[in-house]
């Protein structure tokens, strides 16, 4: 697979239209539309090591994530906003 590693805030539409064989790893957070239209591949988002907050209590991805997605995997170490996984 093709693997790409990112740090920081990804902004809007991280991993949009992700396809099989592509793995995206983000240490940080992302805004709305993570994985929009995703058909395959993997997206993993986690907070930085040593973060002062509890990841299971804080939002790490925004609204409308996985909108229209039909495949792939998303791992997000935290909460998501509204309209998660709408098809």
PDB file of N, CA and C in Angstrom:
ATOM      1  N   UNK A   1       0.822  -1.209   0.000  1.00  0.00           N
ATOM      2  CA  UNK A   1       0.000   0.000   0.000  1.00  0.00           C
ATOM      3  C   UNK A   1       0.860   1.265   0.000  1.00  0.00           C
ATOM      4  N   UNK A   2       0.257   2.346  -0.435  1.00  0.00           N
ATOM      5  CA  UNK A   2       0.879   3.667  -0.347  1.00  0.00           C
ATOM      6  C   UNK A   2       0.517   4.227   1.024  1.00  0.00           C
ATOM      7  N   UNK A   3       1.535   4.610   1.809  1.00  0.00           N
ATOM      8  CA  UNK A   3       1.309   5.137   3.154  1.00  0.00           C
ATOM      9  C   UNK A   3       1.802   6.571   3.222  1.00  0.00           C
ATOM     10  N   UNK A   4       0.960   7.460   3.762  1.00  0.00           N
ATOM     11  CA  UNK A   4       1.334   8.869   3.926  1.00  0.00           C
ATOM     12  C   UNK A   4       1.061   9.270   5.370  1.00  0.00           C
ATOM     13  N   UNK A   5       2.008  10.006   5.950  1.00  0.00           N
ATOM     14  CA  UNK A   5       1.921  10.418   7.350  1.00  0.00           C
ATOM     15  C   UNK A   5       1.861  11.940   7.431  1.00  0.00           C
ATOM     16  N   UNK A   6       0.939  12.455   8.269  1.00  0.00           N
ATOM     17  CA  UNK A   6       0.729  13.893   8.399  1.00  0.00           C
ATOM     18  C   UNK A   6       0.692  14.272   9.878  1.00  0.00           C
ATOM     19  N   UNK A   7       1.023  15.536  10.163  1.00  0.00           N
ATOM     20  CA  UNK A   7       0.961  16.078  11.521  1.00  0.00           C
ATOM     21  C   UNK A   7       0.247  17.418  11.495  1.00  0.00           C
ATOM     22  N   UNK A   8      -0.550  17.692  12.547  1.00  0.00           N
ATOM     23  CA  UNK A   8      -1.204  18.990  12.662  1.00  0.00           C
ATOM     24  C   UNK A   8      -2.693  18.912  12.405  1.00  0.00           C
ATOM     25  N   UNK A   9      -3.260  20.033  11.993  1.00  0.00           N
ATOM     26  CA  UNK A   9      -4.685  20.111  11.678  1.00  0.00           C
ATOM     27  C   UNK A   9      -4.865  19.977  10.171  1.00  0.00           C
ATOM     28  N   UNK A  10      -5.613  18.963   9.761  1.00  0.00           N
ATOM     29  CA  UNK A  10      -5.742  18.665   8.332  1.00  0.00           C
ATOM     30  C   UNK A  10      -6.733  19.579   7.617  1.00  0.00           C
ATOM     31  N   UNK A  11      -7.635  20.212   8.324  1.00  0.00           N
ATOM     32  CA  UNK A  11      -8.616  21.063   7.658  1.00  0.00           C
ATOM     33  C   UNK A  11      -9.758  20.259   7.064  1.00  0.00           C
ATOM     34  N   UNK A  12     -10.386  20.792   6.026  1.00  0.00           N
ATOM     35  CA  UNK A  12     -11.563  20.177   5.406  1.00  0.00           C
ATOM     36  C   UNK A  12     -11.184  19.017   4.485  1.00  0.00           C
ATOM     37  N   UNK A  13     -12.026  18.001   4.451  1.00  0.00           N
ATOM     38  CA  UNK A  13     -11.994  16.922   3.449  1.00  0.00           C
ATOM     39  C   UNK A  13     -10.716  16.090   3.446  1.00  0.00           C
ATOM     40  N   UNK A  14     -10.149  15.812   4.611  1.00  0.00           N
ATOM     41  CA  UNK A  14      -8.975  14.945   4.681  1.00  0.00           C
ATOM     42  C   UNK A  14      -9.361  13.544   4.203  1.00  0.00           C
ATOM     43  N   UNK A  15      -8.640  13.009   3.268  1.00  0.00           N
ATOM     44  CA  UNK A  15      -8.889  11.669   2.753  1.00  0.00           C
ATOM     45  C   UNK A  15     -10.090  11.557   1.831  1.00  0.00           C
ATOM     46  N   UNK A  16     -10.544  12.673   1.265  1.00  0.00           N
ATOM     47  CA  UNK A  16     -11.689  12.629   0.368  1.00  0.00           C
ATOM     48  C   UNK A  16     -11.407  11.681  -0.807  1.00  0.00           C
ATOM     49  N   UNK A  17     -12.357  10.862  -1.164  1.00  0.00           N
ATOM     50  CA  UNK A  17     -12.279   9.888  -2.262  1.00  0.00           C
ATOM     51  C   UNK A  17     -11.098   8.930  -2.121  1.00  0.00           C
ATOM     52  N   UNK A  18     -10.754   8.581  -0.900  1.00  0.00           N
ATOM     53  CA  UNK A  18      -9.663   7.631  -0.674  1.00  0.00           C
ATOM     54  C   UNK A  18      -9.989   6.297  -1.350  1.00  0.00           C
ATOM     55  N   UNK A  19      -8.973   5.645  -1.853  1.00  0.00           N
ATOM     56  CA  UNK A  19      -9.152   4.404  -2.616  1.00  0.00           C
ATOM     57  C   UNK A  19      -8.350   3.272  -1.997  1.00  0.00           C
ATOM     58  N   UNK A  20      -8.664   2.054  -2.402  1.00  0.00           N
ATOM     59  CA  UNK A  20      -7.947   0.891  -1.922  1.00  0.00           C
ATOM     60  C   UNK A  20      -6.451   1.010  -2.157  1.00  0.00           C
ATOM     61  N   UNK A  21      -5.674   0.570  -1.187  1.00  0.00           N
ATOM     62  CA  UNK A  21      -4.226   0.620  -1.306  1.00  0.00           C
ATOM     63  C   UNK A  21      -3.602   1.917  -0.831  1.00  0.00           C
ATOM     64  N   UNK A  22      -4.426   2.859  -0.336  1.00  0.00           N
ATOM     65  CA  UNK A  22      -3.916   4.134   0.178  1.00  0.00           C
ATOM     66  C   UNK A  22      -4.220   4.201   1.673  1.00  0.00           C
ATOM     67  N   UNK A  23      -3.180   4.425   2.473  1.00  0.00           N
ATOM     68  CA  UNK A  23      -3.328   4.541   3.919  1.00  0.00           C
ATOM     69  C   UNK A  23      -2.846   5.919   4.358  1.00  0.00           C
ATOM     70  N   UNK A  24      -3.730   6.668   5.031  1.00  0.00           N
ATOM     71  CA  UNK A  24      -3.420   8.016   5.493  1.00  0.00           C
ATOM     72  C   UNK A  24      -3.407   8.030   7.017  1.00  0.00           C
ATOM     73  N   UNK A  25      -2.310   8.475   7.590  1.00  0.00           N
ATOM     74  CA  UNK A  25      -2.145   8.520   9.039  1.00  0.00           C
ATOM     75  C   UNK A  25      -1.940   9.968   9.464  1.00  0.00           C
ATOM     76  N   UNK A  26      -2.813  10.464  10.342  1.00  0.00           N
ATOM     77  CA  UNK A  26      -2.737  11.847  10.805  1.00  0.00           C
ATOM     78  C   UNK A  26      -2.583  11.877  12.319  1.00  0.00           C
ATOM     79  N   UNK A  27      -1.546  12.553  12.781  1.00  0.00           N
ATOM     80  CA  UNK A  27      -1.395  12.838  14.202  1.00  0.00           C
ATOM     81  C   UNK A  27      -1.812  14.289  14.378  1.00  0.00           C
ATOM     82  N   UNK A  28      -2.981  14.489  14.953  1.00  0.00           N
ATOM     83  CA  UNK A  28      -3.542  15.830  15.083  1.00  0.00           C
ATOM     84  C   UNK A  28      -5.053  15.757  15.057  1.00  0.00           C
ATOM     85  N   UNK A  29      -5.684  16.592  14.237  1.00  0.00           N
ATOM     86  CA  UNK A  29      -7.137  16.570  14.103  1.00  0.00           C
ATOM     87  C   UNK A  29      -7.523  17.013  12.698  1.00  0.00           C
ATOM     88  N   UNK A  30      -8.800  16.878  12.392  1.00  0.00           N
ATOM     89  CA  UNK A  30      -9.288  17.251  11.063  1.00  0.00           C
ATOM     90  C   UNK A  30     -10.670  17.873  11.202  1.00  0.00           C
ATOM     91  N   UNK A  31     -11.037  18.688  10.250  1.00  0.00           N
ATOM     92  CA  UNK A  31     -12.338  19.355  10.263  1.00  0.00           C
ATOM     93  C   UNK A  31     -13.392  18.483   9.588  1.00  0.00           C
ATOM     94  N   UNK A  32     -14.334  19.086   8.924  1.00  0.00           N
ATOM     95  CA  UNK A  32     -15.473  18.390   8.331  1.00  0.00           C
ATOM     96  C   UNK A  32     -15.091  17.569   7.096  1.00  0.00           C
ATOM     97  N   UNK A  33     -15.960  16.619   6.776  1.00  0.00           N
ATOM     98  CA  UNK A  33     -15.897  15.795   5.556  1.00  0.00           C
ATOM     99  C   UNK A  33     -14.701  14.850   5.481  1.00  0.00           C
ATOM    100  N   UNK A  34     -14.178  14.390   6.603  1.00  0.00           N
ATOM    101  CA  UNK A  34     -13.122  13.375   6.578  1.00  0.00           C
ATOM    102  C   UNK A  34     -13.676  12.140   5.866  1.00  0.00           C
ATOM    103  N   UNK A  35     -12.936  11.608   4.914  1.00  0.00           N
ATOM    104  CA  UNK A  35     -13.324  10.387   4.221  1.00  0.00           C
ATOM    105  C   UNK A  35     -14.534  10.511   3.312  1.00  0.00           C
ATOM    106  N   UNK A  36     -14.885  11.712   2.909  1.00  0.00           N
ATOM    107  CA  UNK A  36     -16.038  11.911   2.023  1.00  0.00           C
ATOM    108  C   UNK A  36     -15.862  11.082   0.746  1.00  0.00           C
ATOM    109  N   UNK A  37     -16.865  10.308   0.389  1.00  0.00           N
ATOM    110  CA  UNK A  37     -16.830   9.522  -0.836  1.00  0.00           C
ATOM    111  C   UNK A  37     -15.792   8.415  -0.852  1.00  0.00           C
ATOM    112  N   UNK A  38     -15.278   8.039   0.287  1.00  0.00           N
ATOM    113  CA  UNK A  38     -14.221   7.026   0.357  1.00  0.00           C
ATOM    114  C   UNK A  38     -14.737   5.682  -0.158  1.00  0.00           C
ATOM    115  N   UNK A  39     -13.951   5.040  -1.008  1.00  0.00           N
ATOM    116  CA  UNK A  39     -14.324   3.743  -1.569  1.00  0.00           C
ATOM    117  C   UNK A  39     -13.442   2.617  -1.043  1.00  0.00           C
ATOM    118  N   UNK A  40     -12.333   2.944  -0.420  1.00  0.00           N
ATOM    119  CA  UNK A  40     -11.411   1.939   0.097  1.00  0.00           C
ATOM    120  C   UNK A  40     -10.281   2.608   0.847  1.00  0.00           C
ATOM    121  N   UNK A  41      -9.299   1.825   1.210  1.00  0.00           N
ATOM    122  CA  UNK A  41      -8.144   2.364   1.914  1.00  0.00           C
ATOM    123  C   UNK A  41      -8.391   2.526   3.398  1.00  0.00           C
ATOM    124  N   UNK A  42      -7.516   3.292   4.026  1.00  0.00           N
ATOM    125  CA  UNK A  42      -7.552   3.454   5.471  1.00  0.00           C
ATOM    126  C   UNK A  42      -7.221   4.896   5.841  1.00  0.00           C
ATOM    127  N   UNK A  43      -7.942   5.423   6.817  1.00  0.00           N
ATOM    128  CA  UNK A  43      -7.645   6.727   7.398  1.00  0.00           C
ATOM    129  C   UNK A  43      -7.572   6.519   8.903  1.00  0.00           C
ATOM    130  N   UNK A  44      -6.465   6.928   9.522  1.00  0.00           N
ATOM    131  CA  UNK A  44      -6.291   6.817  10.970  1.00  0.00           C
ATOM    132  C   UNK A  44      -5.906   8.186  11.521  1.00  0.00           C
ATOM    133  N   UNK A  45      -6.669   8.655  12.513  1.00  0.00           N
ATOM    134  CA  UNK A  45      -6.435   9.974  13.102  1.00  0.00           C
ATOM    135  C   UNK A  45      -6.332   9.813  14.611  1.00  0.00           C
ATOM    136  N   UNK A  46      -5.253  10.363  15.175  1.00  0.00           N
ATOM    137  CA  UNK A  46      -5.028  10.261  16.614  1.00  0.00           C
ATOM    138  C   UNK A  46      -4.426  11.559  17.117  1.00  0.00           C
ATOM    139  N   UNK A  47      -4.626  11.862  18.405  1.00  0.00           N
ATOM    140  CA  UNK A  47      -4.003  13.061  18.961  1.00  0.00           C
ATOM    141  C   UNK A  47      -2.507  12.840  19.156  1.00  0.00           C
ATOM    142  N   UNK A  48      -1.760  13.921  19.300  1.00  0.00           N
ATOM    143  CA  UNK A  48      -0.328  13.782  19.558  1.00  0.00           C
ATOM    144  C   UNK A  48      -0.071  13.081  20.895  1.00  0.00           C
ATOM    145  N   UNK A  49       1.029  12.379  20.990  1.00  0.00           N
ATOM    146  CA  UNK A  49       1.433  11.749  22.241  1.00  0.00           C
ATOM    147  C   UNK A  49       1.609  12.838  23.292  1.00  0.00           C
ATOM    148  N   UNK A  50       1.097  12.599  24.482  1.00  0.00           N
ATOM    149  CA  UNK A  50       1.227  13.563  25.566  1.00  0.00           C
ATOM    150  C   UNK A  50       0.183  14.661  25.568  1.00  0.00           C
ATOM    151  N   UNK A  51      -0.878  14.522  24.780  1.00  0.00           N
ATOM    152  CA  UNK A  51      -1.941  15.533  24.767  1.00  0.00           C
ATOM    153  C   UNK A  51      -2.555  15.666  26.158  1.00  0.00           C
ATOM    154  N   UNK A  52      -2.922  16.871  26.531  1.00  0.00           N
ATOM    155  CA  UNK A  52      -3.448  17.136  27.867  1.00  0.00           C
ATOM    156  C   UNK A  52      -4.918  16.741  28.020  1.00  0.00           C
ATOM    157  N   UNK A  53      -5.599  16.394  26.941  1.00  0.00           N
ATOM    158  CA  UNK A  53      -7.019  16.045  27.012  1.00  0.00           C
ATOM    159  C   UNK A  53      -7.213  14.543  26.844  1.00  0.00           C
ATOM    160  N   UNK A  54      -8.371  14.074  27.266  1.00  0.00           N
ATOM    161  CA  UNK A  54      -8.734  12.662  27.083  1.00  0.00           C
ATOM    162  C   UNK A  54      -9.368  12.524  25.706  1.00  0.00           C
ATOM    163  N   UNK A  55      -8.746  11.765  24.843  1.00  0.00           N
ATOM    164  CA  UNK A  55      -9.211  11.711  23.451  1.00  0.00           C
ATOM    165  C   UNK A  55     -10.635  11.184  23.320  1.00  0.00           C
ATOM    166  N   UNK A  56     -11.061  10.303  24.204  1.00  0.00           N
ATOM    167  CA  UNK A  56     -12.424   9.765  24.092  1.00  0.00           C
ATOM    168  C   UNK A  56     -13.494  10.778  24.507  1.00  0.00           C
ATOM    169  N   UNK A  57     -13.082  11.927  25.036  1.00  0.00           N
ATOM    170  CA  UNK A  57     -14.026  12.965  25.435  1.00  0.00           C
ATOM    171  C   UNK A  57     -13.981  14.190  24.518  1.00  0.00           C
ATOM    172  N   UNK A  58     -13.048  14.227  23.598  1.00  0.00           N
ATOM    173  CA  UNK A  58     -12.861  15.408  22.748  1.00  0.00           C
ATOM    174  C   UNK A  58     -13.095  15.066  21.274  1.00  0.00           C
ATOM    175  N   UNK A  59     -13.562  16.045  20.519  1.00  0.00           N
ATOM    176  CA  UNK A  59     -13.740  15.852  19.077  1.00  0.00           C
ATOM    177  C   UNK A  59     -12.392  15.857  18.378  1.00  0.00           C
ATOM    178  N   UNK A  60     -12.196  14.886  17.506  1.00  0.00           N
ATOM    179  CA  UNK A  60     -10.960  14.831  16.726  1.00  0.00           C
ATOM    180  C   UNK A  60     -11.250  14.993  15.236  1.00  0.00           C
ATOM    181  N   UNK A  61     -12.511  14.750  14.849  1.00  0.00           N
ATOM    182  CA  UNK A  61     -12.956  14.981  13.477  1.00  0.00           C
ATOM    183  C   UNK A  61     -14.271  15.751  13.526  1.00  0.00           C
ATOM    184  N   UNK A  62     -14.552  16.512  12.487  1.00  0.00           N
ATOM    185  CA  UNK A  62     -15.708  17.400  12.463  1.00  0.00           C
ATOM    186  C   UNK A  62     -17.000  16.747  11.999  1.00  0.00           C
ATOM    187  N   UNK A  63     -17.841  17.547  11.388  1.00  0.00           N
ATOM    188  CA  UNK A  63     -19.165  17.118  10.930  1.00  0.00           C
ATOM    189  C   UNK A  63     -19.110  16.416   9.574  1.00  0.00           C
ATOM    190  N   UNK A  64     -20.134  15.632   9.307  1.00  0.00           N
ATOM    191  CA  UNK A  64     -20.381  15.008   8.007  1.00  0.00           C
ATOM    192  C   UNK A  64     -19.209  14.163   7.522  1.00  0.00           C
ATOM    193  N   UNK A  65     -18.578  13.449   8.418  1.00  0.00           N
ATOM    194  CA  UNK A  65     -17.475  12.568   8.027  1.00  0.00           C
ATOM    195  C   UNK A  65     -18.037  11.288   7.410  1.00  0.00           C
ATOM    196  N   UNK A  66     -17.342  10.746   6.451  1.00  0.00           N
ATOM    197  CA  UNK A  66     -17.726   9.550   5.683  1.00  0.00           C
ATOM    198  C   UNK A  66     -18.996   9.772   4.858  1.00  0.00           C
ATOM    199  N   UNK A  67     -19.298  11.001   4.517  1.00  0.00           N
ATOM    200  CA  UNK A  67     -20.480  11.314   3.711  1.00  0.00           C
ATOM    201  C   UNK A  67     -20.377  10.610   2.357  1.00  0.00           C
ATOM    202  N   UNK A  68     -21.300   9.731   2.054  1.00  0.00           N
ATOM    203  CA  UNK A  68     -21.311   9.018   0.785  1.00  0.00           C
ATOM    204  C   UNK A  68     -20.267   7.930   0.656  1.00  0.00           C
ATOM    205  N   UNK A  69     -19.572   7.603   1.725  1.00  0.00           N
ATOM    206  CA  UNK A  69     -18.532   6.563   1.656  1.00  0.00           C
ATOM    207  C   UNK A  69     -19.160   5.188   1.443  1.00  0.00           C
ATOM    208  N   UNK A  70     -18.478   4.357   0.667  1.00  0.00           N
ATOM    209  CA  UNK A  70     -18.973   3.007   0.382  1.00  0.00           C
ATOM    210  C   UNK A  70     -17.996   1.919   0.791  1.00  0.00           C
ATOM    211  N   UNK A  71     -16.807   2.290   1.244  1.00  0.00           N
ATOM    212  CA  UNK A  71     -15.823   1.286   1.631  1.00  0.00           C
ATOM    213  C   UNK A  71     -14.664   1.908   2.376  1.00  0.00           C
ATOM    214  N   UNK A  72     -13.720   1.068   2.742  1.00  0.00           N
ATOM    215  CA  UNK A  72     -12.544   1.530   3.463  1.00  0.00           C
ATOM    216  C   UNK A  72     -12.745   1.480   4.962  1.00  0.00           C
ATOM    217  N   UNK A  73     -11.730   1.956   5.690  1.00  0.00           N
ATOM    218  CA  UNK A  73     -11.756   1.946   7.150  1.00  0.00           C
ATOM    219  C   UNK A  73     -11.325   3.307   7.686  1.00  0.00           C
ATOM    220  N   UNK A  74     -12.028   3.770   8.718  1.00  0.00           N
ATOM    221  CA  UNK A  74     -11.671   4.999   9.415  1.00  0.00           C
ATOM    222  C   UNK A  74     -11.486   4.668  10.885  1.00  0.00           C
ATOM    223  N   UNK A  75     -10.332   5.041  11.426  1.00  0.00           N
ATOM    224  CA  UNK A  75     -10.057   4.914  12.853  1.00  0.00           C
ATOM    225  C   UNK A  75      -9.796   6.317  13.380  1.00  0.00           C
ATOM    226  N   UNK A  76     -10.639   6.785  14.291  1.00  0.00           N
ATOM    227  CA  UNK A  76     -10.489   8.124  14.856  1.00  0.00           C
ATOM    228  C   UNK A  76     -10.485   8.003  16.378  1.00  0.00           C
ATOM    229  N   UNK A  77      -9.390   8.378  17.005  1.00  0.00           N
ATOM    230  CA  UNK A  77      -9.244   8.275  18.461  1.00  0.00           C
ATOM    231  C   UNK A  77      -9.853   9.506  19.121  1.00  0.00           C
ATOM    232  N   UNK A  78     -11.166   9.591  19.089  1.00  0.00           N
ATOM    233  CA  UNK A  78     -11.886  10.717  19.661  1.00  0.00           C
ATOM    234  C   UNK A  78     -13.304  10.744  19.126  1.00  0.00           C
ATOM    235  N   UNK A  79     -13.984  11.814  19.386  1.00  0.00           N
ATOM    236  CA  UNK A  79     -15.379  11.951  18.967  1.00  0.00           C
ATOM    237  C   UNK A  79     -15.493  12.576  17.581  1.00  0.00           C
ATOM    238  N   UNK A  80     -16.634  12.317  16.961  1.00  0.00           N
ATOM    239  CA  UNK A  80     -16.946  12.914  15.658  1.00  0.00           C
ATOM    240  C   UNK A  80     -18.101  13.893  15.838  1.00  0.00           C
ATOM    241  N   UNK A  81     -18.223  14.817  14.908  1.00  0.00           N
ATOM    242  CA  UNK A  81     -19.322  15.780  14.940  1.00  0.00           C
ATOM    243  C   UNK A  81     -20.631  15.152  14.481  1.00  0.00           C
ATOM    244  N   UNK A  82     -21.547  15.974  14.034  1.00  0.00           N
ATOM    245  CA  UNK A  82     -22.873  15.526  13.607  1.00  0.00           C
ATOM    246  C   UNK A  82     -22.845  14.917  12.204  1.00  0.00           C
ATOM    247  N   UNK A  83     -23.915  14.177  11.876  1.00  0.00           N
ATOM    248  CA  UNK A  83     -24.124  13.575  10.551  1.00  0.00           C
ATOM    249  C   UNK A  83     -22.979  12.645  10.155  1.00  0.00           C
ATOM    250  N   UNK A  84     -22.545  11.820  11.067  1.00  0.00           N
ATOM    251  CA  UNK A  84     -21.448  10.890  10.826  1.00  0.00           C
ATOM    252  C   UNK A  84     -21.944   9.700  10.011  1.00  0.00           C
ATOM    253  N   UNK A  85     -21.272   9.377   8.926  1.00  0.00           N
ATOM    254  CA  UNK A  85     -21.574   8.192   8.135  1.00  0.00           C
ATOM    255  C   UNK A  85     -22.874   8.258   7.342  1.00  0.00           C
ATOM    256  N   UNK A  86     -23.307   9.425   6.943  1.00  0.00           N
ATOM    257  CA  UNK A  86     -24.530   9.561   6.143  1.00  0.00           C
ATOM    258  C   UNK A  86     -24.249   9.108   4.718  1.00  0.00           C
ATOM    259  N   UNK A  87     -25.121   8.290   4.176  1.00  0.00           N
ATOM    260  CA  UNK A  87     -24.910   7.795   2.805  1.00  0.00           C
ATOM    261  C   UNK A  87     -25.921   8.391   1.889  1.00  0.00           C
TER     262      UNK A  87
END
